[in-house]
Amino acid sequence: MADGFTVDPGQVAQHGQQVDALAARCDQVVAAGHEVTPGGWDNAYGVVCQPFPIAVRPLVENFLGQLGQITGGVRHTASALGTAADQYRQGDEENRKRVADLGTLLEQAVPQPTGPGGPQGAP
């Protein structure tokens, strides 16, 4: 039989929180980029360097759009990790209850020996 594997739901949940924190940092980058782009580009580099923002703006806007999409995927992954941790916890609890219920059924199904002196042959 294979050795299998063990999952610690707490570690899965913690990793999900770390991934969510990464998504929050990505959101900050996107928000900061959008703060600069509306009108800041026109004055940020002075009169002499005005061609620079004109050349760079499409690249930055493309980057911000792609980073926004990536952030959505990262956030989805964080959510999926949290869901997986919850499902592992729920599965562990259901299995614990099944084993406990099975133990109770076995105790009820096994007849208690009686003899001289009472159960289990006690004096």
N, C-alpha and C. Protein backbone atom coordinates (compact mmCIF):
# COMPACT_ATOMS: atom_id res chain seq x y z
N MET A 1 0.85 -1.18 0.00
CA MET A 1 0.00 0.00 0.00
C MET A 1 0.89 1.24 0.00
N ALA A 2 0.48 2.25 -0.70
CA ALA A 2 1.25 3.49 -0.79
C ALA A 2 1.23 4.22 0.55
N ASP A 3 2.27 5.01 0.76
CA ASP A 3 2.37 5.76 2.01
C ASP A 3 1.33 6.87 2.10
N GLY A 4 0.89 7.39 0.96
CA GLY A 4 -0.10 8.45 0.97
C GLY A 4 0.52 9.79 1.34
N PHE A 5 -0.30 10.68 1.83
CA PHE A 5 0.20 12.00 2.21
C PHE A 5 -0.68 12.55 3.31
N THR A 6 -0.17 13.55 3.99
CA THR A 6 -0.89 14.19 5.08
C THR A 6 -1.06 15.66 4.74
N VAL A 7 -2.22 16.19 5.01
CA VAL A 7 -2.49 17.61 4.76
C VAL A 7 -2.82 18.26 6.09
N ASP A 8 -2.13 19.35 6.38
CA ASP A 8 -2.43 20.13 7.57
C ASP A 8 -3.30 21.31 7.14
N PRO A 9 -4.61 21.26 7.45
CA PRO A 9 -5.50 22.34 7.01
C PRO A 9 -5.06 23.72 7.50
N GLY A 10 -4.44 23.77 8.66
CA GLY A 10 -3.95 25.05 9.17
C GLY A 10 -2.88 25.64 8.28
N GLN A 11 -1.98 24.79 7.79
CA GLN A 11 -0.93 25.28 6.89
C GLN A 11 -1.52 25.70 5.54
N VAL A 12 -2.51 24.96 5.07
CA VAL A 12 -3.17 25.33 3.80
C VAL A 12 -3.85 26.69 3.96
N ALA A 13 -4.54 26.88 5.07
CA ALA A 13 -5.22 28.16 5.32
C ALA A 13 -4.20 29.30 5.44
N GLN A 14 -3.09 29.03 6.14
CA GLN A 14 -2.05 30.05 6.29
C GLN A 14 -1.46 30.43 4.93
N HIS A 15 -1.23 29.44 4.09
CA HIS A 15 -0.71 29.72 2.75
C HIS A 15 -1.72 30.55 1.96
N GLY A 16 -3.01 30.24 2.11
CA GLY A 16 -4.04 31.03 1.45
C GLY A 16 -4.00 32.49 1.89
N GLN A 17 -3.76 32.72 3.18
CA GLN A 17 -3.66 34.09 3.68
C GLN A 17 -2.44 34.80 3.10
N GLN A 18 -1.33 34.06 2.97
CA GLN A 18 -0.13 34.65 2.38
C GLN A 18 -0.37 35.02 0.91
N VAL A 19 -1.05 34.15 0.20
CA VAL A 19 -1.35 34.42 -1.21
C VAL A 19 -2.30 35.61 -1.32
N ASP A 20 -3.25 35.71 -0.40
CA ASP A 20 -4.17 36.85 -0.40
C ASP A 20 -3.42 38.15 -0.12
N ALA A 21 -2.43 38.10 0.77
CA ALA A 21 -1.61 39.28 1.05
C ALA A 21 -0.83 39.70 -0.20
N LEU A 22 -0.36 38.72 -0.96
CA LEU A 22 0.31 39.03 -2.23
C LEU A 22 -0.64 39.73 -3.19
N ALA A 23 -1.87 39.26 -3.25
CA ALA A 23 -2.87 39.90 -4.12
C ALA A 23 -3.13 41.34 -3.68
N ALA A 24 -3.15 41.56 -2.37
CA ALA A 24 -3.35 42.92 -1.86
C ALA A 24 -2.20 43.84 -2.29
N ARG A 25 -0.97 43.32 -2.25
CA ARG A 25 0.17 44.12 -2.70
C ARG A 25 0.07 44.42 -4.20
N CYS A 26 -0.37 43.44 -4.97
CA CYS A 26 -0.56 43.66 -6.41
C CYS A 26 -1.63 44.73 -6.64
N ASP A 27 -2.69 44.69 -5.84
CA ASP A 27 -3.74 45.73 -5.95
C ASP A 27 -3.15 47.11 -5.69
N GLN A 28 -2.23 47.20 -4.73
CA GLN A 28 -1.59 48.49 -4.43
C GLN A 28 -0.78 48.99 -5.63
N VAL A 29 -0.08 48.08 -6.29
CA VAL A 29 0.71 48.47 -7.46
C VAL A 29 -0.21 48.99 -8.56
N VAL A 30 -1.29 48.28 -8.81
CA VAL A 30 -2.24 48.70 -9.85
C VAL A 30 -2.85 50.06 -9.49
N ALA A 31 -3.25 50.22 -8.23
CA ALA A 31 -3.85 51.48 -7.79
C ALA A 31 -2.84 52.63 -7.92
N ALA A 32 -1.60 52.38 -7.54
CA ALA A 32 -0.57 53.42 -7.66
C ALA A 32 -0.35 53.78 -9.13
N GLY A 33 -0.34 52.79 -9.99
CA GLY A 33 -0.17 53.06 -11.42
C GLY A 33 -1.30 53.89 -11.99
N HIS A 34 -2.52 53.61 -11.54
CA HIS A 34 -3.67 54.38 -12.03
C HIS A 34 -3.67 55.80 -11.46
N GLU A 35 -3.08 55.99 -10.29
CA GLU A 35 -2.98 57.34 -9.72
C GLU A 35 -2.10 58.22 -10.58
N VAL A 36 -1.06 57.66 -11.15
CA VAL A 36 -0.11 58.43 -11.95
C VAL A 36 -0.65 58.68 -13.35
N THR A 37 -1.33 57.72 -13.92
CA THR A 37 -1.66 57.81 -15.35
C THR A 37 -2.68 58.87 -15.74
N PRO A 38 -3.73 59.20 -14.95
CA PRO A 38 -4.73 60.11 -15.50
C PRO A 38 -4.18 61.45 -15.99
N GLY A 39 -3.49 62.21 -15.15
CA GLY A 39 -3.00 63.51 -15.60
C GLY A 39 -1.55 63.73 -15.23
N GLY A 40 -1.07 62.90 -14.36
CA GLY A 40 0.30 63.06 -13.87
C GLY A 40 1.34 62.88 -14.95
N TRP A 41 1.03 62.10 -15.95
CA TRP A 41 1.99 61.85 -17.03
C TRP A 41 2.36 63.14 -17.76
N ASP A 42 1.39 64.00 -17.94
CA ASP A 42 1.63 65.20 -18.75
C ASP A 42 2.62 66.15 -18.11
N ASN A 43 2.68 66.16 -16.79
CA ASN A 43 3.54 67.12 -16.09
C ASN A 43 4.72 66.46 -15.38
N ALA A 44 4.76 65.16 -15.34
CA ALA A 44 5.76 64.47 -14.54
C ALA A 44 7.18 64.64 -15.05
N TYR A 45 7.36 64.82 -16.34
CA TYR A 45 8.71 64.82 -16.91
C TYR A 45 9.12 66.17 -17.49
N GLY A 46 8.32 67.19 -17.33
CA GLY A 46 8.67 68.51 -17.83
C GLY A 46 8.44 68.64 -19.33
N VAL A 47 8.68 69.83 -19.81
CA VAL A 47 8.41 70.14 -21.22
C VAL A 47 9.37 69.41 -22.15
N VAL A 48 10.63 69.35 -21.79
CA VAL A 48 11.64 68.76 -22.66
C VAL A 48 11.40 67.26 -22.86
N CYS A 49 10.94 66.58 -21.82
CA CYS A 49 10.80 65.11 -21.88
C CYS A 49 9.36 64.66 -22.12
N GLN A 50 8.49 65.52 -22.62
CA GLN A 50 7.10 65.12 -22.84
C GLN A 50 6.93 63.96 -23.80
N PRO A 51 7.82 63.72 -24.76
CA PRO A 51 7.65 62.53 -25.60
C PRO A 51 7.80 61.22 -24.82
N PHE A 52 8.54 61.26 -23.72
CA PHE A 52 8.73 60.03 -22.94
C PHE A 52 7.41 59.45 -22.43
N PRO A 53 6.56 60.23 -21.74
CA PRO A 53 5.30 59.65 -21.27
C PRO A 53 4.39 59.21 -22.42
N ILE A 54 4.47 59.91 -23.54
CA ILE A 54 3.65 59.52 -24.69
C ILE A 54 4.07 58.14 -25.19
N ALA A 55 5.37 57.88 -25.18
CA ALA A 55 5.88 56.58 -25.64
C ALA A 55 5.64 55.47 -24.63
N VAL A 56 5.71 55.80 -23.35
CA VAL A 56 5.66 54.78 -22.30
C VAL A 56 4.24 54.48 -21.85
N ARG A 57 3.34 55.43 -21.94
CA ARG A 57 1.98 55.26 -21.40
C ARG A 57 1.29 53.98 -21.89
N PRO A 58 1.30 53.65 -23.18
CA PRO A 58 0.62 52.42 -23.61
C PRO A 58 1.22 51.16 -22.96
N LEU A 59 2.53 51.16 -22.78
CA LEU A 59 3.16 50.01 -22.13
C LEU A 59 2.73 49.89 -20.67
N VAL A 60 2.70 51.02 -19.99
CA VAL A 60 2.30 51.01 -18.57
C VAL A 60 0.84 50.60 -18.44
N GLU A 61 -0.02 51.15 -19.28
CA GLU A 61 -1.44 50.79 -19.21
C GLU A 61 -1.65 49.31 -19.51
N ASN A 62 -0.90 48.78 -20.46
CA ASN A 62 -0.97 47.35 -20.76
C ASN A 62 -0.50 46.53 -19.55
N PHE A 63 0.61 46.95 -18.96
CA PHE A 63 1.13 46.26 -17.77
C PHE A 63 0.10 46.28 -16.64
N LEU A 64 -0.48 47.45 -16.39
CA LEU A 64 -1.46 47.55 -15.30
C LEU A 64 -2.68 46.67 -15.56
N GLY A 65 -3.12 46.61 -16.81
CA GLY A 65 -4.25 45.73 -17.15
C GLY A 65 -3.91 44.27 -16.93
N GLN A 66 -2.72 43.87 -17.36
CA GLN A 66 -2.31 42.48 -17.17
C GLN A 66 -2.12 42.15 -15.70
N LEU A 67 -1.51 43.08 -14.96
CA LEU A 67 -1.32 42.85 -13.53
C LEU A 67 -2.67 42.76 -12.82
N GLY A 68 -3.63 43.55 -13.26
CA GLY A 68 -4.98 43.46 -12.69
C GLY A 68 -5.59 42.08 -12.92
N GLN A 69 -5.40 41.53 -14.11
CA GLN A 69 -5.91 40.18 -14.40
C GLN A 69 -5.17 39.13 -13.57
N ILE A 70 -3.87 39.27 -13.46
CA ILE A 70 -3.08 38.33 -12.66
C ILE A 70 -3.53 38.39 -11.21
N THR A 71 -3.77 39.60 -10.72
CA THR A 71 -4.21 39.77 -9.34
C THR A 71 -5.53 39.04 -9.10
N GLY A 72 -6.43 39.10 -10.07
CA GLY A 72 -7.69 38.36 -9.95
C GLY A 72 -7.44 36.87 -9.83
N GLY A 73 -6.51 36.35 -10.61
CA GLY A 73 -6.17 34.92 -10.53
C GLY A 73 -5.54 34.56 -9.20
N VAL A 74 -4.67 35.45 -8.70
CA VAL A 74 -4.03 35.20 -7.41
C VAL A 74 -5.08 35.21 -6.30
N ARG A 75 -5.99 36.16 -6.37
CA ARG A 75 -7.05 36.23 -5.36
C ARG A 75 -7.94 34.98 -5.42
N HIS A 76 -8.24 34.51 -6.62
CA HIS A 76 -9.02 33.28 -6.78
C HIS A 76 -8.28 32.09 -6.15
N THR A 77 -6.98 32.03 -6.36
CA THR A 77 -6.18 30.95 -5.78
C THR A 77 -6.21 31.02 -4.26
N ALA A 78 -6.11 32.22 -3.70
CA ALA A 78 -6.18 32.38 -2.24
C ALA A 78 -7.52 31.88 -1.71
N SER A 79 -8.58 32.23 -2.41
CA SER A 79 -9.91 31.78 -2.01
C SER A 79 -10.03 30.26 -2.10
N ALA A 80 -9.48 29.68 -3.17
CA ALA A 80 -9.54 28.23 -3.33
C ALA A 80 -8.75 27.52 -2.23
N LEU A 81 -7.63 28.10 -1.82
CA LEU A 81 -6.86 27.50 -0.72
C LEU A 81 -7.65 27.54 0.58
N GLY A 82 -8.34 28.65 0.83
CA GLY A 82 -9.18 28.73 2.03
C GLY A 82 -10.31 27.71 2.00
N THR A 83 -10.92 27.55 0.83
CA THR A 83 -11.99 26.56 0.67
C THR A 83 -11.45 25.15 0.88
N ALA A 84 -10.27 24.87 0.32
CA ALA A 84 -9.66 23.55 0.49
C ALA A 84 -9.38 23.26 1.96
N ALA A 85 -8.86 24.26 2.68
CA ALA A 85 -8.58 24.07 4.11
C ALA A 85 -9.87 23.76 4.86
N ASP A 86 -10.94 24.50 4.55
CA ASP A 86 -12.23 24.25 5.20
C ASP A 86 -12.75 22.85 4.88
N GLN A 87 -12.59 22.42 3.63
CA GLN A 87 -13.06 21.08 3.24
C GLN A 87 -12.25 19.99 3.94
N TYR A 88 -10.93 20.18 4.07
CA TYR A 88 -10.12 19.21 4.80
C TYR A 88 -10.56 19.13 6.26
N ARG A 89 -10.79 20.29 6.88
CA ARG A 89 -11.24 20.30 8.28
C ARG A 89 -12.58 19.57 8.41
N GLN A 90 -13.50 19.89 7.51
CA GLN A 90 -14.82 19.27 7.55
C GLN A 90 -14.70 17.76 7.33
N GLY A 91 -13.88 17.35 6.37
CA GLY A 91 -13.69 15.91 6.11
C GLY A 91 -13.08 15.21 7.31
N ASP A 92 -12.10 15.85 7.95
CA ASP A 92 -11.48 15.26 9.14
C ASP A 92 -12.52 15.09 10.25
N GLU A 93 -13.35 16.11 10.44
CA GLU A 93 -14.38 16.03 11.48
C GLU A 93 -15.42 14.95 11.16
N GLU A 94 -15.83 14.86 9.90
CA GLU A 94 -16.79 13.82 9.51
C GLU A 94 -16.19 12.43 9.71
N ASN A 95 -14.93 12.26 9.35
CA ASN A 95 -14.28 10.95 9.54
C ASN A 95 -14.13 10.62 11.02
N ARG A 96 -13.78 11.62 11.84
CA ARG A 96 -13.68 11.40 13.28
C ARG A 96 -15.02 10.94 13.84
N LYS A 97 -16.10 11.60 13.39
CA LYS A 97 -17.43 11.23 13.88
C LYS A 97 -17.81 9.83 13.42
N ARG A 98 -17.50 9.48 12.18
CA ARG A 98 -17.81 8.13 11.68
C ARG A 98 -17.10 7.05 12.49
N VAL A 99 -15.83 7.28 12.77
CA VAL A 99 -15.07 6.30 13.55
C VAL A 99 -15.65 6.19 14.96
N ALA A 100 -16.00 7.33 15.56
CA ALA A 100 -16.60 7.30 16.90
C ALA A 100 -17.94 6.57 16.88
N ASP A 101 -18.76 6.86 15.86
CA ASP A 101 -20.06 6.18 15.74
C ASP A 101 -19.88 4.68 15.53
N LEU A 102 -18.89 4.30 14.72
CA LEU A 102 -18.62 2.89 14.50
C LEU A 102 -18.19 2.21 15.80
N GLY A 103 -17.36 2.90 16.57
CA GLY A 103 -16.95 2.35 17.87
C GLY A 103 -18.15 2.13 18.78
N THR A 104 -19.07 3.09 18.79
CA THR A 104 -20.28 2.95 19.60
C THR A 104 -21.12 1.77 19.13
N LEU A 105 -21.29 1.63 17.81
CA LEU A 105 -22.06 0.50 17.28
C LEU A 105 -21.41 -0.84 17.63
N LEU A 106 -20.09 -0.90 17.54
CA LEU A 106 -19.40 -2.14 17.88
C LEU A 106 -19.57 -2.49 19.35
N GLU A 107 -19.48 -1.48 20.20
CA GLU A 107 -19.68 -1.73 21.63
C GLU A 107 -21.08 -2.25 21.91
N GLN A 108 -22.07 -1.72 21.19
CA GLN A 108 -23.45 -2.16 21.39
C GLN A 108 -23.68 -3.54 20.80
N ALA A 109 -22.96 -3.89 19.74
CA ALA A 109 -23.19 -5.15 19.05
C ALA A 109 -22.51 -6.33 19.74
N VAL A 110 -21.45 -6.08 20.46
CA VAL A 110 -20.72 -7.17 21.11
C VAL A 110 -21.44 -7.51 22.41
N PRO A 111 -21.90 -8.75 22.53
CA PRO A 111 -22.59 -9.12 23.77
C PRO A 111 -21.61 -9.14 24.95
N GLN A 112 -22.10 -8.66 26.06
CA GLN A 112 -21.29 -8.66 27.27
C GLN A 112 -21.40 -10.04 27.92
N PRO A 113 -20.27 -10.69 28.13
CA PRO A 113 -20.33 -12.03 28.74
C PRO A 113 -20.84 -11.94 30.18
N THR A 114 -21.70 -12.85 30.50
CA THR A 114 -22.19 -12.93 31.87
C THR A 114 -21.96 -14.34 32.36
N GLY A 115 -21.75 -14.46 33.56
CA GLY A 115 -21.51 -15.77 34.13
C GLY A 115 -21.61 -15.66 35.64
N PRO A 116 -21.08 -16.66 36.30
CA PRO A 116 -21.13 -16.58 37.77
C PRO A 116 -20.38 -15.34 38.24
N GLY A 117 -21.01 -14.57 39.03
CA GLY A 117 -20.38 -13.38 39.58
C GLY A 117 -20.64 -12.13 38.77
N GLY A 118 -21.40 -12.17 37.67
CA GLY A 118 -21.75 -10.96 36.93
C GLY A 118 -20.98 -10.84 35.63
N PRO A 119 -21.03 -9.67 35.03
CA PRO A 119 -20.39 -9.45 33.74
C PRO A 119 -18.88 -9.67 33.81
N GLN A 120 -18.34 -10.15 32.69
CA GLN A 120 -16.91 -10.38 32.54
C GLN A 120 -16.39 -11.39 33.55
N GLY A 121 -17.26 -12.15 34.11
CA GLY A 121 -16.82 -13.18 35.06
C GLY A 121 -16.25 -12.59 36.33
N ALA A 122 -16.69 -11.38 36.70
CA ALA A 122 -16.17 -10.75 37.92
C ALA A 122 -16.66 -11.50 39.13
N PRO A 123 -15.87 -11.57 40.16
CA PRO A 123 -16.31 -12.30 41.38
C PRO A 123 -17.40 -11.59 42.12
